[in-house]
Structures are given as C-alpha cells and as structure tokens.
Amino acid sequence: MTVNILVPNLGNEVTEAEISEWMFDEGEQVTEGEVLVVISTTKTSLEIEAPSGGRLAKINSREGELVEIGAVLGIIE
C-alpha cells in the first residue's frame, strides 16, 4: 500500500511553503509519527510526521523548493 505525504493546509492566507529539511533519504525505513520533513512559510516552520510506517519510496520535492498546499511531498510504501 502506498501513502502520500502531503503539505497540510496552513491557513487561508498561506498558499505555499518551502522545503527546509528532509530527515530521511529515499529508500530508508520510517516509523509512523517520526518527523520526515520540515517545511517553512514566512510565518512559521512545521514538522511533518510520517502518516504511516514503511519505506520512503520517493521524494517529490527537494530542500529549497517551494510547494503548494496539498502537494505530494513524497510516498511511503
């Protein structure tokens, strides 16, 4: 089963965020609830946790890239 890692809704005025740091590399095992990636906006930074355990199969956005709210950051298999 694949699970998407999504950029969460950060409020009505926020439309995008920047990838600050990935805590894991593609192919590494992750546990549900572990911090996978840190994103930031002009107002805050947010740690995004793994929605499930498994292997981080794909990273769609790299550090320094801007992503829209709702975008798929990566995939856990």
Protein backbone atom coordinates (compact mmCIF):
# COMPACT_ATOMS: atom_id res chain seq x y z
CA MET A 1 0.00 0.00 0.00
CA THR A 2 1.31 3.47 -0.85
CA VAL A 3 0.70 6.51 1.32
CA ASN A 4 1.19 10.07 0.14
CA ILE A 5 2.99 12.61 2.31
CA LEU A 6 1.06 15.86 1.82
CA VAL A 7 1.66 19.53 2.56
CA PRO A 8 -1.05 20.30 5.13
CA ASN A 9 -3.42 23.25 4.98
CA LEU A 10 -1.68 26.04 6.90
CA GLY A 11 -4.48 28.60 6.91
CA ASN A 12 -6.47 30.60 4.40
CA GLU A 13 -3.72 33.07 3.55
CA VAL A 14 -0.90 30.53 3.12
CA THR A 15 -0.66 29.09 -0.40
CA GLU A 16 2.87 27.68 -0.45
CA ALA A 17 5.75 26.56 1.75
CA GLU A 18 9.45 25.90 1.31
CA ILE A 19 11.07 22.53 1.97
CA SER A 20 13.60 23.25 4.74
CA GLU A 21 15.00 19.81 5.50
CA TRP A 22 14.33 16.13 4.85
CA MET A 23 15.20 13.94 7.84
CA PHE A 24 15.38 10.73 5.76
CA ASP A 25 16.64 9.75 2.32
CA GLU A 26 14.76 7.78 -0.31
CA GLY A 27 14.82 4.08 0.47
CA GLU A 28 15.09 4.46 4.24
CA GLN A 29 12.60 2.89 6.64
CA VAL A 30 10.38 5.25 8.62
CA THR A 31 8.05 4.71 11.55
CA GLU A 32 4.60 6.25 11.83
CA GLY A 33 4.83 9.54 13.72
CA GLU A 34 8.52 10.18 13.01
CA VAL A 35 9.35 13.63 11.66
CA LEU A 36 10.03 13.23 7.93
CA VAL A 37 10.41 16.75 6.66
CA VAL A 38 10.43 20.33 7.90
CA ILE A 39 8.65 22.98 5.84
CA SER A 40 8.57 26.72 6.41
CA THR A 41 6.47 29.72 5.47
CA THR A 42 7.05 33.40 6.07
CA LYS A 43 5.39 32.99 9.48
CA THR A 44 6.32 29.56 10.82
CA SER A 45 8.14 26.24 10.46
CA LEU A 46 6.30 22.95 10.66
CA GLU A 47 7.48 19.37 11.15
CA ILE A 48 5.55 16.88 9.02
CA GLU A 49 5.34 13.40 10.53
CA ALA A 50 5.09 10.09 8.71
CA PRO A 51 1.40 9.21 8.27
CA SER A 52 2.36 5.51 8.33
CA GLY A 53 5.37 3.28 8.66
CA GLY A 54 7.25 1.78 5.73
CA ARG A 55 9.92 2.69 3.23
CA LEU A 56 10.28 6.27 1.98
CA ALA A 57 9.98 5.24 -1.64
CA LYS A 58 10.03 8.64 -3.32
CA ILE A 59 10.78 12.27 -2.52
CA ASN A 60 9.00 14.59 -4.95
CA SER A 61 10.30 17.94 -3.68
CA ARG A 62 13.85 18.73 -2.59
CA GLU A 63 15.19 21.11 0.04
CA GLY A 64 14.85 24.75 -1.02
CA GLU A 65 11.91 24.11 -3.36
CA LEU A 66 8.55 25.85 -2.97
CA VAL A 67 5.49 23.61 -2.83
CA GLU A 68 1.79 24.38 -2.88
CA ILE A 69 -0.58 23.45 -0.09
CA GLY A 70 -1.89 19.93 -0.76
CA ALA A 71 1.10 18.91 -2.88
CA VAL A 72 2.50 15.40 -2.54
CA LEU A 73 5.95 15.71 -0.96
CA GLY A 74 6.77 12.04 -1.15
CA ILE A 75 5.49 8.47 -1.00
CA ILE A 76 5.77 5.79 1.67
CA GLU A 77 5.39 2.14 0.61
